[in-house]
PDB file of N, CA and C in Angstrom:
ATOM      1  N   MET A   1      64.233  71.669 -96.368  1.00  0.00           N
ATOM      2  CA  MET A   1      64.152  72.865 -95.552  1.00  0.00           C
ATOM      3  C   MET A   1      64.807  74.006 -96.328  1.00  0.00           C
ATOM      4  N   SER A   2      64.155  75.155 -96.333  1.00  0.00           N
ATOM      5  CA  SER A   2      64.702  76.298 -97.048  1.00  0.00           C
ATOM      6  C   SER A   2      65.891  76.876 -96.291  1.00  0.00           C
ATOM      7  N   GLN A   3      66.680  77.681 -96.992  1.00  0.00           N
ATOM      8  CA  GLN A   3      67.846  78.294 -96.352  1.00  0.00           C
ATOM      9  C   GLN A   3      67.435  79.273 -95.261  1.00  0.00           C
ATOM     10  N   THR A   4      66.350  79.994 -95.481  1.00  0.00           N
ATOM     11  CA  THR A   4      65.870  80.935 -94.477  1.00  0.00           C
ATOM     12  C   THR A   4      65.470  80.197 -93.200  1.00  0.00           C
ATOM     13  N   ALA A   5      64.760  79.092 -93.350  1.00  0.00           N
ATOM     14  CA  ALA A   5      64.357  78.297 -92.190  1.00  0.00           C
ATOM     15  C   ALA A   5      65.581  77.721 -91.484  1.00  0.00           C
ATOM     16  N   SER A   6      66.590  77.307 -92.247  1.00  0.00           N
ATOM     17  CA  SER A   6      67.814  76.774 -91.652  1.00  0.00           C
ATOM     18  C   SER A   6      68.533  77.830 -90.834  1.00  0.00           C
ATOM     19  N   VAL A   7      68.613  79.032 -91.357  1.00  0.00           N
ATOM     20  CA  VAL A   7      69.280  80.124 -90.644  1.00  0.00           C
ATOM     21  C   VAL A   7      68.551  80.422 -89.341  1.00  0.00           C
ATOM     22  N   TRP A   8      67.219  80.518 -89.395  1.00  0.00           N
ATOM     23  CA  TRP A   8      66.462  80.812 -88.182  1.00  0.00           C
ATOM     24  C   TRP A   8      66.537  79.673 -87.177  1.00  0.00           C
ATOM     25  N   LEU A   9      66.611  78.445 -87.663  1.00  0.00           N
ATOM     26  CA  LEU A   9      66.760  77.304 -86.771  1.00  0.00           C
ATOM     27  C   LEU A   9      68.092  77.363 -86.038  1.00  0.00           C
ATOM     28  N   VAL A  10      69.164  77.668 -86.744  1.00  0.00           N
ATOM     29  CA  VAL A  10      70.483  77.763 -86.110  1.00  0.00           C
ATOM     30  C   VAL A  10      70.508  78.914 -85.097  1.00  0.00           C
ATOM     31  N   ILE A  11      69.897  80.029 -85.416  1.00  0.00           N
ATOM     32  CA  ILE A  11      69.851  81.167 -84.495  1.00  0.00           C
ATOM     33  C   ILE A  11      69.061  80.805 -83.239  1.00  0.00           C
ATOM     34  N   LEU A  12      67.923  80.142 -83.402  1.00  0.00           N
ATOM     35  CA  LEU A  12      67.114  79.737 -82.258  1.00  0.00           C
ATOM     36  C   LEU A  12      67.847  78.716 -81.386  1.00  0.00           C
ATOM     37  N   VAL A  13      68.478  77.738 -82.007  1.00  0.00           N
ATOM     38  CA  VAL A  13      69.238  76.734 -81.255  1.00  0.00           C
ATOM     39  C   VAL A  13      70.414  77.388 -80.531  1.00  0.00           C
ATOM     40  N   ALA A  14      71.095  78.316 -81.198  1.00  0.00           N
ATOM     41  CA  ALA A  14      72.230  79.000 -80.575  1.00  0.00           C
ATOM     42  C   ALA A  14      71.772  79.825 -79.381  1.00  0.00           C
ATOM     43  N   PHE A  15      70.645  80.504 -79.490  1.00  0.00           N
ATOM     44  CA  PHE A  15      70.145  81.308 -78.370  1.00  0.00           C
ATOM     45  C   PHE A  15      69.794  80.421 -77.178  1.00  0.00           C
ATOM     46  N   CYS A  16      69.106  79.325 -77.434  1.00  0.00           N
ATOM     47  CA  CYS A  16      68.742  78.402 -76.345  1.00  0.00           C
ATOM     48  C   CYS A  16      69.984  77.752 -75.745  1.00  0.00           C
ATOM     49  N   ALA A  17      70.907  77.330 -76.592  1.00  0.00           N
ATOM     50  CA  ALA A  17      72.121  76.667 -76.109  1.00  0.00           C
ATOM     51  C   ALA A  17      73.003  77.634 -75.322  1.00  0.00           C
ATOM     52  N   ALA A  18      73.020  78.893 -75.700  1.00  0.00           N
ATOM     53  CA  ALA A  18      73.855  79.873 -74.994  1.00  0.00           C
ATOM     54  C   ALA A  18      73.332  80.137 -73.584  1.00  0.00           C
ATOM     55  N   ASN A  19      72.036  80.036 -73.379  1.00  0.00           N
ATOM     56  CA  ASN A  19      71.458  80.308 -72.073  1.00  0.00           C
ATOM     57  C   ASN A  19      71.338  79.062 -71.206  1.00  0.00           C
ATOM     58  N   LEU A  20      71.437  77.901 -71.793  1.00  0.00           N
ATOM     59  CA  LEU A  20      71.256  76.645 -71.064  1.00  0.00           C
ATOM     60  C   LEU A  20      72.214  76.462 -69.882  1.00  0.00           C
ATOM     61  N   PRO A  21      73.501  76.777 -69.993  1.00  0.00           N
ATOM     62  CA  PRO A  21      74.387  76.588 -68.835  1.00  0.00           C
ATOM     63  C   PRO A  21      74.015  77.448 -67.626  1.00  0.00           C
ATOM     64  N   PHE A  22      73.357  78.566 -67.852  1.00  0.00           N
ATOM     65  CA  PHE A  22      73.032  79.478 -66.762  1.00  0.00           C
ATOM     66  C   PHE A  22      71.651  79.216 -66.163  1.00  0.00           C
ATOM     67  N   ILE A  23      70.805  78.526 -66.880  1.00  0.00           N
ATOM     68  CA  ILE A  23      69.436  78.313 -66.431  1.00  0.00           C
ATOM     69  C   ILE A  23      69.314  77.113 -65.494  1.00  0.00           C
ATOM     70  N   ASN A  24      70.083  76.049 -65.730  1.00  0.00           N
ATOM     71  CA  ASN A  24      69.934  74.847 -64.915  1.00  0.00           C
ATOM     72  C   ASN A  24      71.206  74.521 -64.148  1.00  0.00           C
ATOM     73  N   GLN A  25      71.092  73.595 -63.219  1.00  0.00           N
ATOM     74  CA  GLN A  25      72.215  73.186 -62.382  1.00  0.00           C
ATOM     75  C   GLN A  25      72.797  71.837 -62.804  1.00  0.00           C
ATOM     76  N   ARG A  26      72.351  71.268 -63.902  1.00  0.00           N
ATOM     77  CA  ARG A  26      72.838  69.970 -64.357  1.00  0.00           C
ATOM     78  C   ARG A  26      73.991  70.143 -65.343  1.00  0.00           C
ATOM     79  N   LEU A  27      74.875  69.189 -65.345  1.00  0.00           N
ATOM     80  CA  LEU A  27      75.997  69.199 -66.277  1.00  0.00           C
ATOM     81  C   LEU A  27      75.484  68.855 -67.667  1.00  0.00           C
ATOM     82  N   LEU A  28      75.708  69.735 -68.623  1.00  0.00           N
ATOM     83  CA  LEU A  28      75.226  69.594 -69.997  1.00  0.00           C
ATOM     84  C   LEU A  28      73.716  69.390 -70.050  1.00  0.00           C
ATOM     85  N   ALA A  29      73.004  69.908 -69.056  1.00  0.00           N
ATOM     86  CA  ALA A  29      71.544  69.846 -68.944  1.00  0.00           C
ATOM     87  C   ALA A  29      71.018  68.427 -68.779  1.00  0.00           C
ATOM     88  N   VAL A  30      71.898  67.467 -68.445  1.00  0.00           N
ATOM     89  CA  VAL A  30      71.478  66.077 -68.319  1.00  0.00           C
ATOM     90  C   VAL A  30      71.911  65.468 -66.994  1.00  0.00           C
ATOM     91  N   VAL A  31      73.174  65.602 -66.648  1.00  0.00           N
ATOM     92  CA  VAL A  31      73.754  64.908 -65.497  1.00  0.00           C
ATOM     93  C   VAL A  31      73.580  65.737 -64.227  1.00  0.00           C
ATOM     94  N   PRO A  32      72.873  65.217 -63.220  1.00  0.00           N
ATOM     95  CA  PRO A  32      72.742  65.975 -61.971  1.00  0.00           C
ATOM     96  C   PRO A  32      74.071  66.026 -61.216  1.00  0.00           C
ATOM     97  N   LEU A  33      74.334  67.167 -60.601  1.00  0.00           N
ATOM     98  CA  LEU A  33      75.571  67.362 -59.843  1.00  0.00           C
ATOM     99  C   LEU A  33      75.263  67.399 -58.350  1.00  0.00           C
ATOM    100  N   SER A  34      76.231  67.012 -57.548  1.00  0.00           N
ATOM    101  CA  SER A  34      76.034  67.000 -56.099  1.00  0.00           C
ATOM    102  C   SER A  34      76.191  68.396 -55.487  1.00  0.00           C
ATOM    103  N   ARG A  35      76.897  69.285 -56.172  1.00  0.00           N
ATOM    104  CA  ARG A  35      77.067  70.645 -55.672  1.00  0.00           C
ATOM    105  C   ARG A  35      76.833  71.626 -56.820  1.00  0.00           C
ATOM    106  N   PRO A  36      76.597  72.887 -56.507  1.00  0.00           N
ATOM    107  CA  PRO A  36      76.305  73.867 -57.568  1.00  0.00           C
ATOM    108  C   PRO A  36      77.464  74.032 -58.557  1.00  0.00           C
ATOM    109  N   LYS A  37      77.114  74.380 -59.775  1.00  0.00           N
ATOM    110  CA  LYS A  37      78.128  74.588 -60.807  1.00  0.00           C
ATOM    111  C   LYS A  37      78.876  75.892 -60.560  1.00  0.00           C
ATOM    112  N   THR A  38      80.158  75.873 -60.878  1.00  0.00           N
ATOM    113  CA  THR A  38      80.969  77.082 -60.779  1.00  0.00           C
ATOM    114  C   THR A  38      80.893  77.848 -62.097  1.00  0.00           C
ATOM    115  N   LEU A  39      81.363  79.077 -62.059  1.00  0.00           N
ATOM    116  CA  LEU A  39      81.381  79.879 -63.286  1.00  0.00           C
ATOM    117  C   LEU A  39      82.282  79.236 -64.335  1.00  0.00           C
ATOM    118  N   ALA A  40      83.405  78.661 -63.916  1.00  0.00           N
ATOM    119  CA  ALA A  40      84.312  78.011 -64.874  1.00  0.00           C
ATOM    120  C   ALA A  40      83.630  76.843 -65.575  1.00  0.00           C
ATOM    121  N   LEU A  41      82.860  76.063 -64.841  1.00  0.00           N
ATOM    122  CA  LEU A  41      82.145  74.942 -65.448  1.00  0.00           C
ATOM    123  C   LEU A  41      81.072  75.448 -66.398  1.00  0.00           C
ATOM    124  N   ARG A  42      80.400  76.525 -66.032  1.00  0.00           N
ATOM    125  CA  ARG A  42      79.382  77.108 -66.917  1.00  0.00           C
ATOM    126  C   ARG A  42      80.029  77.622 -68.210  1.00  0.00           C
ATOM    127  N   LEU A  43      81.207  78.221 -68.113  1.00  0.00           N
ATOM    128  CA  LEU A  43      81.885  78.706 -69.315  1.00  0.00           C
ATOM    129  C   LEU A  43      82.365  77.552 -70.189  1.00  0.00           C
ATOM    130  N   ALA A  44      82.796  76.455 -69.569  1.00  0.00           N
ATOM    131  CA  ALA A  44      83.178  75.264 -70.335  1.00  0.00           C
ATOM    132  C   ALA A  44      81.963  74.693 -71.061  1.00  0.00           C
ATOM    133  N   GLU A  45      80.830  74.656 -70.382  1.00  0.00           N
ATOM    134  CA  GLU A  45      79.591  74.212 -71.025  1.00  0.00           C
ATOM    135  C   GLU A  45      79.211  75.150 -72.168  1.00  0.00           C
ATOM    136  N   LEU A  46      79.402  76.436 -71.948  1.00  0.00           N
ATOM    137  CA  LEU A  46      79.088  77.419 -72.980  1.00  0.00           C
ATOM    138  C   LEU A  46      79.915  77.153 -74.236  1.00  0.00           C
ATOM    139  N   LEU A  47      81.200  76.867 -74.067  1.00  0.00           N
ATOM    140  CA  LEU A  47      82.059  76.541 -75.203  1.00  0.00           C
ATOM    141  C   LEU A  47      81.597  75.250 -75.884  1.00  0.00           C
ATOM    142  N   PHE A  48      81.226  74.246 -75.100  1.00  0.00           N
ATOM    143  CA  PHE A  48      80.725  72.991 -75.670  1.00  0.00           C
ATOM    144  C   PHE A  48      79.465  73.238 -76.495  1.00  0.00           C
ATOM    145  N   PHE A  49      78.525  74.008 -75.951  1.00  0.00           N
ATOM    146  CA  PHE A  49      77.281  74.280 -76.674  1.00  0.00           C
ATOM    147  C   PHE A  49      77.528  75.160 -77.906  1.00  0.00           C
ATOM    148  N   TYR A  50      78.554  76.012 -77.859  1.00  0.00           N
ATOM    149  CA  TYR A  50      78.943  76.780 -79.049  1.00  0.00           C
ATOM    150  C   TYR A  50      79.370  75.833 -80.172  1.00  0.00           C
ATOM    151  N   LEU A  51      80.152  74.829 -79.806  1.00  0.00           N
ATOM    152  CA  LEU A  51      80.597  73.856 -80.802  1.00  0.00           C
ATOM    153  C   LEU A  51      79.432  73.020 -81.339  1.00  0.00           C
ATOM    154  N   VAL A  52      78.487  72.689 -80.472  1.00  0.00           N
ATOM    155  CA  VAL A  52      77.310  71.924 -80.906  1.00  0.00           C
ATOM    156  C   VAL A  52      76.460  72.759 -81.868  1.00  0.00           C
ATOM    157  N   ALA A  53      76.208  74.010 -81.519  1.00  0.00           N
ATOM    158  CA  ALA A  53      75.417  74.879 -82.401  1.00  0.00           C
ATOM    159  C   ALA A  53      76.141  75.116 -83.723  1.00  0.00           C
ATOM    160  N   GLY A  54      77.461  75.273 -83.663  1.00  0.00           N
ATOM    161  CA  GLY A  54      78.239  75.426 -84.893  1.00  0.00           C
ATOM    162  C   GLY A  54      78.203  74.167 -85.743  1.00  0.00           C
ATOM    163  N   GLY A  55      78.233  73.006 -85.101  1.00  0.00           N
ATOM    164  CA  GLY A  55      78.120  71.745 -85.829  1.00  0.00           C
ATOM    165  C   GLY A  55      76.776  71.606 -86.523  1.00  0.00           C
ATOM    166  N   LEU A  56      75.716  72.047 -85.856  1.00  0.00           N
ATOM    167  CA  LEU A  56      74.394  72.031 -86.485  1.00  0.00           C
ATOM    168  C   LEU A  56      74.374  72.951 -87.702  1.00  0.00           C
ATOM    169  N   GLY A  57      74.946  74.141 -87.559  1.00  0.00           N
ATOM    170  CA  GLY A  57      75.014  75.061 -88.692  1.00  0.00           C
ATOM    171  C   GLY A  57      75.815  74.495 -89.844  1.00  0.00           C
ATOM    172  N   LEU A  58      76.919  73.847 -89.521  1.00  0.00           N
ATOM    173  CA  LEU A  58      77.750  73.217 -90.547  1.00  0.00           C
ATOM    174  C   LEU A  58      76.993  72.082 -91.258  1.00  0.00           C
ATOM    175  N   ALA A  59      76.265  71.283 -90.482  1.00  0.00           N
ATOM    176  CA  ALA A  59      75.486  70.188 -91.066  1.00  0.00           C
ATOM    177  C   ALA A  59      74.385  70.719 -91.981  1.00  0.00           C
ATOM    178  N   LEU A  60      73.718  71.781 -91.562  1.00  0.00           N
ATOM    179  CA  LEU A  60      72.661  72.355 -92.404  1.00  0.00           C
ATOM    180  C   LEU A  60      73.244  72.996 -93.662  1.00  0.00           C
ATOM    181  N   GLU A  61      74.427  73.578 -93.545  1.00  0.00           N
ATOM    182  CA  GLU A  61      75.082  74.150 -94.721  1.00  0.00           C
ATOM    183  C   GLU A  61      75.497  73.049 -95.691  1.00  0.00           C
ATOM    184  N   LYS A  62      75.985  71.947 -95.158  1.00  0.00           N
ATOM    185  CA  LYS A  62      76.362  70.806 -95.996  1.00  0.00           C
ATOM    186  C   LYS A  62      75.136  70.234 -96.693  1.00  0.00           C
ATOM    187  N   TYR A  63      74.012  70.175 -95.973  1.00  0.00           N
ATOM    188  CA  TYR A  63      72.769  69.672 -96.555  1.00  0.00           C
ATOM    189  C   TYR A  63      72.282  70.578 -97.686  1.00  0.00           C
ATOM    190  N   ALA A  64      72.491  71.892 -97.543  1.00  0.00           N
ATOM    191  CA  ALA A  64      72.021  72.850 -98.548  1.00  0.00           C
ATOM    192  C   ALA A  64      72.924  72.894 -99.778  1.00  0.00           C
ATOM    193  N   GLY A  65      74.157  72.440 -99.638  1.00  0.00           N
ATOM    194  CA  GLY A  65      75.080  72.496-100.769  1.00  0.00           C
ATOM    195  C   GLY A  65      76.508  72.458-100.286  1.00  0.00           C
ATOM    196  N   GLN A  66      77.368  73.170-100.990  1.00  0.00           N
ATOM    197  CA  GLN A  66      78.790  73.179-100.662  1.00  0.00           C
ATOM    198  C   GLN A  66      79.064  74.062 -99.446  1.00  0.00           C
ATOM    199  N   ILE A  67      79.971  73.605 -98.583  1.00  0.00           N
ATOM    200  CA  ILE A  67      80.343  74.368 -97.399  1.00  0.00           C
ATOM    201  C   ILE A  67      81.343  75.454 -97.797  1.00  0.00           C
ATOM    202  N   ALA A  68      81.037  76.688 -97.430  1.00  0.00           N
ATOM    203  CA  ALA A  68      81.924  77.808 -97.750  1.00  0.00           C
ATOM    204  C   ALA A  68      83.117  77.798 -96.795  1.00  0.00           C
ATOM    205  N   PRO A  69      84.316  78.076 -97.308  1.00  0.00           N
ATOM    206  CA  PRO A  69      85.485  78.126 -96.414  1.00  0.00           C
ATOM    207  C   PRO A  69      85.388  79.335 -95.473  1.00  0.00           C
ATOM    208  N   GLN A  70      85.783  79.129 -94.210  1.00  0.00           N
ATOM    209  CA  GLN A  70      85.702  80.188 -93.208  1.00  0.00           C
ATOM    210  C   GLN A  70      87.084  80.422 -92.604  1.00  0.00           C
ATOM    211  N   GLY A  71      87.383  81.673 -92.350  1.00  0.00           N
ATOM    212  CA  GLY A  71      88.632  82.035 -91.683  1.00  0.00           C
ATOM    213  C   GLY A  71      88.398  82.245 -90.196  1.00  0.00           C
ATOM    214  N   TRP A  72      89.453  82.642 -89.500  1.00  0.00           N
ATOM    215  CA  TRP A  72      89.354  82.842 -88.062  1.00  0.00           C
ATOM    216  C   TRP A  72      88.369  83.959 -87.713  1.00  0.00           C
ATOM    217  N   GLU A  73      88.194  84.918 -88.617  1.00  0.00           N
ATOM    218  CA  GLU A  73      87.294  86.033 -88.361  1.00  0.00           C
ATOM    219  C   GLU A  73      85.856  85.556 -88.171  1.00  0.00           C
ATOM    220  N   PHE A  74      85.447  84.571 -88.981  1.00  0.00           N
ATOM    221  CA  PHE A  74      84.106  84.018 -88.881  1.00  0.00           C
ATOM    222  C   PHE A  74      83.864  83.429 -87.498  1.00  0.00           C
ATOM    223  N   TYR A  75      84.830  82.659 -87.006  1.00  0.00           N
ATOM    224  CA  TYR A  75      84.670  82.015 -85.706  1.00  0.00           C
ATOM    225  C   TYR A  75      84.727  83.029 -84.568  1.00  0.00           C
ATOM    226  N   ALA A  76      85.519  84.072 -84.709  1.00  0.00           N
ATOM    227  CA  ALA A  76      85.566  85.125 -83.687  1.00  0.00           C
ATOM    228  C   ALA A  76      84.223  85.853 -83.609  1.00  0.00           C
ATOM    229  N   ILE A  77      83.638  86.135 -84.761  1.00  0.00           N
ATOM    230  CA  ILE A  77      82.353  86.839 -84.786  1.00  0.00           C
ATOM    231  C   ILE A  77      81.235  85.957 -84.258  1.00  0.00           C
ATOM    232  N   THR A  78      81.214  84.679 -84.659  1.00  0.00           N
ATOM    233  CA  THR A  78      80.145  83.799 -84.175  1.00  0.00           C
ATOM    234  C   THR A  78      80.279  83.547 -82.670  1.00  0.00           C
ATOM    235  N   LEU A  79      81.502  83.469 -82.153  1.00  0.00           N
ATOM    236  CA  LEU A  79      81.686  83.309 -80.712  1.00  0.00           C
ATOM    237  C   LEU A  79      81.206  84.565 -79.982  1.00  0.00           C
ATOM    238  N   ALA A  80      81.498  85.733 -80.522  1.00  0.00           N
ATOM    239  CA  ALA A  80      81.027  86.977 -79.908  1.00  0.00           C
ATOM    240  C   ALA A  80      79.499  87.042 -79.929  1.00  0.00           C
ATOM    241  N   LEU A  81      78.886  86.607 -81.018  1.00  0.00           N
ATOM    242  CA  LEU A  81      77.431  86.579 -81.096  1.00  0.00           C
ATOM    243  C   LEU A  81      76.858  85.576 -80.097  1.00  0.00           C
ATOM    244  N   PHE A  82      77.504  84.428 -79.959  1.00  0.00           N
ATOM    245  CA  PHE A  82      77.054  83.408 -79.012  1.00  0.00           C
ATOM    246  C   PHE A  82      77.140  83.942 -77.579  1.00  0.00           C
ATOM    247  N   LEU A  83      78.211  84.652 -77.251  1.00  0.00           N
ATOM    248  CA  LEU A  83      78.334  85.251 -75.924  1.00  0.00           C
ATOM    249  C   LEU A  83      77.278  86.330 -75.699  1.00  0.00           C
ATOM    250  N   THR A  84      76.940  87.054 -76.745  1.00  0.00           N
ATOM    251  CA  THR A  84      75.867  88.044 -76.650  1.00  0.00           C
ATOM    252  C   THR A  84      74.530  87.361 -76.390  1.00  0.00           C
ATOM    253  N   PHE A  85      74.299  86.234 -77.061  1.00  0.00           N
ATOM    254  CA  PHE A  85      73.082  85.456 -76.810  1.00  0.00           C
ATOM    255  C   PHE A  85      73.024  84.956 -75.371  1.00  0.00           C
ATOM    256  N   ALA A  86      74.175  84.694 -74.755  1.00  0.00           N
ATOM    257  CA  ALA A  86      74.219  84.164 -73.391  1.00  0.00           C
ATOM    258  C   ALA A  86      73.967  85.235 -72.327  1.00  0.00           C
ATOM    259  N   PHE A  87      73.915  86.484 -72.710  1.00  0.00           N
ATOM    260  CA  PHE A  87      73.765  87.558 -71.733  1.00  0.00           C
ATOM    261  C   PHE A  87      72.503  87.447 -70.880  1.00  0.00           C
ATOM    262  N   PRO A  88      71.317  87.140 -71.444  1.00  0.00           N
ATOM    263  CA  PRO A  88      70.133  87.020 -70.574  1.00  0.00           C
ATOM    264  C   PRO A  88      70.283  85.942 -69.500  1.00  0.00           C
ATOM    265  N   GLY A  89      70.852  84.810 -69.839  1.00  0.00           N
ATOM    266  CA  GLY A  89      71.057  83.757 -68.858  1.00  0.00           C
ATOM    267  C   GLY A  89      72.056  84.153 -67.788  1.00  0.00           C
ATOM    268  N   PHE A  90      73.116  84.848 -68.188  1.00  0.00           N
ATOM    269  CA  PHE A  90      74.123  85.331 -67.233  1.00  0.00           C
ATOM    270  C   PHE A  90      73.501  86.327 -66.265  1.00  0.00           C
ATOM    271  N   VAL A  91      72.704  87.243 -66.790  1.00  0.00           N
ATOM    272  CA  VAL A  91      72.036  88.229 -65.939  1.00  0.00           C
ATOM    273  C   VAL A  91      71.107  87.525 -64.961  1.00  0.00           C
ATOM    274  N   TYR A  92      70.351  86.545 -65.448  1.00  0.00           N
ATOM    275  CA  TYR A  92      69.440  85.806 -64.583  1.00  0.00           C
ATOM    276  C   TYR A  92      70.193  85.094 -63.462  1.00  0.00           C
ATOM    277  N   ARG A  93      71.303  84.460 -63.780  1.00  0.00           N
ATOM    278  CA  ARG A  93      72.029  83.662 -62.792  1.00  0.00           C
ATOM    279  C   ARG A  93      72.830  84.519 -61.818  1.00  0.00           C
ATOM    280  N   TYR A  94      73.514  85.543 -62.300  1.00  0.00           N
ATOM    281  CA  TYR A  94      74.481  86.247 -61.450  1.00  0.00           C
ATOM    282  C   TYR A  94      74.104  87.666 -61.065  1.00  0.00           C
ATOM    283  N   LEU A  95      73.238  88.326 -61.788  1.00  0.00           N
ATOM    284  CA  LEU A  95      72.969  89.727 -61.495  1.00  0.00           C
ATOM    285  C   LEU A  95      71.610  89.985 -60.850  1.00  0.00           C
ATOM    286  N   LEU A  96      70.632  89.091 -61.052  1.00  0.00           N
ATOM    287  CA  LEU A  96      69.332  89.257 -60.426  1.00  0.00           C
ATOM    288  C   LEU A  96      69.342  88.624 -59.039  1.00  0.00           C
ATOM    289  N   LYS A  97      68.644  89.266 -58.130  1.00  0.00           N
ATOM    290  CA  LYS A  97      68.525  88.696 -56.784  1.00  0.00           C
ATOM    291  C   LYS A  97      67.407  87.672 -56.792  1.00  0.00           C
ATOM    292  N   HIS A  98      67.695  86.486 -56.260  1.00  0.00           N
ATOM    293  CA  HIS A  98      66.700  85.419 -56.180  1.00  0.00           C
ATOM    294  C   HIS A  98      66.271  85.236 -54.728  1.00  0.00           C
ATOM    295  N   ARG A  99      64.992  85.060 -54.544  1.00  0.00           N
ATOM    296  CA  ARG A  99      64.479  84.781 -53.186  1.00  0.00           C
ATOM    297  C   ARG A  99      64.576  83.300 -52.927  1.00  0.00           C
ATOM    298  N   HIS A 100      65.136  82.933 -51.797  1.00  0.00           N
ATOM    299  CA  HIS A 100      65.300  81.514 -51.462  1.00  0.00           C
ATOM    300  C   HIS A 100      64.434  81.141 -50.297  1.00  0.00           C
TER     301      HIS A 100
END
């Protein structure tokens, strides 16, 4: 896989993973819950999916060659980007009116 394809794959996975906690009512998109998820649980899932997407990026970087050392700034920026990716799902869940 080329580096360009790897980058786009990580971006696509991160976008989908960032919106997943807000789109469905299942825990980690697998386990059905007896009651609706709270915002705190959705944020915990968001952090988990951030780590999963970061792990995929790390694995693809390792596959392409040597892993570049990263400082705290890298993780702060990627977390901010991940939260930006989560905005459409947040708007859908909490800001749009749904007909029941």
